Protein backbone atom coordinates (compact mmCIF):
# COMPACT_ATOMS: atom_id res chain seq x y z
CA UNK A 1 89.58 -20.98 113.66
CA UNK A 2 87.82 -21.96 110.42
CA UNK A 3 84.49 -22.01 112.23
CA UNK A 4 85.12 -18.48 113.54
CA UNK A 5 85.96 -17.17 110.05
CA UNK A 6 82.93 -18.94 108.55
CA UNK A 7 80.72 -17.47 111.26
CA UNK A 8 82.07 -13.97 110.53
CA UNK A 9 81.35 -14.34 106.80
CA UNK A 10 77.76 -15.34 107.58
CA UNK A 11 77.31 -12.23 109.74
CA UNK A 12 78.63 -9.96 107.00
CA UNK A 13 76.22 -11.50 104.50
CA UNK A 14 73.31 -11.17 106.90
CA UNK A 15 74.20 -7.55 107.60
CA UNK A 16 74.33 -6.74 103.89
CA UNK A 17 70.91 -8.33 103.40
CA UNK A 18 69.50 -6.36 106.34
CA UNK A 19 70.85 -3.10 104.94
CA UNK A 20 69.38 -3.98 101.56
CA UNK A 21 65.96 -4.62 103.11
CA UNK A 22 66.11 -1.35 105.05
CA UNK A 23 67.05 0.56 101.89
CA UNK A 24 64.17 -1.10 100.01
CA UNK A 25 61.67 -0.17 102.72
CA UNK A 26 62.90 3.42 102.80
CA UNK A 27 62.64 3.59 99.00
CA UNK A 28 59.06 2.34 99.07
CA UNK A 29 58.20 4.95 101.70
CA UNK A 30 59.79 7.74 99.70
CA UNK A 31 58.04 6.67 96.49
CA UNK A 32 54.68 6.57 98.26
CA UNK A 33 55.19 9.97 99.85
CA UNK A 34 56.36 11.63 96.64
CA UNK A 35 53.43 10.13 94.76
CA UNK A 36 50.90 11.42 97.32
CA UNK A 37 52.50 14.87 97.46
CA UNK A 38 52.64 15.02 93.67
CA UNK A 39 48.93 14.25 93.38
CA UNK A 40 48.03 16.86 95.99
CA UNK A 41 50.30 19.41 94.37
CA UNK A 42 48.71 18.75 90.99
CA UNK A 43 45.27 19.35 92.52
CA UNK A 44 46.42 22.62 94.08
CA UNK A 45 47.88 23.92 90.82
CA UNK A 46 44.69 22.88 89.01
CA UNK A 47 42.57 24.87 91.48
CA UNK A 48 44.85 27.90 91.18
CA UNK A 49 44.66 27.70 87.39
CA UNK A 50 40.86 27.52 87.50
CA UNK A 51 40.63 30.54 89.81
CA UNK A 52 43.06 32.55 87.72
CA UNK A 53 41.12 31.72 84.55
CA UNK A 54 37.90 32.83 86.25
CA UNK A 55 39.52 36.05 87.42
CA UNK A 56 40.85 36.84 83.94
CA UNK A 57 37.45 36.08 82.37
CA UNK A 58 35.72 38.34 84.91
CA UNK A 59 38.20 41.14 84.35
CA UNK A 60 37.84 40.93 80.55
CA UNK A 61 34.01 40.83 80.58
CA UNK A 62 33.83 43.76 83.02
CA UNK A 63 35.78 46.12 80.75
């Protein structure tokens, strides 16, 4: 009976470690994705800002 209980405790510990590893891997994936999307989004907003500045400059010099 003691061996059965000890075996069950080992399985619970192993399961907790597995869930922890899965959560860590998911976190790393999310961080990488958010970082890549953030960089791309920053580039897009930079391009939009440049084009808007050019448009405003053109509109002001044409008047």
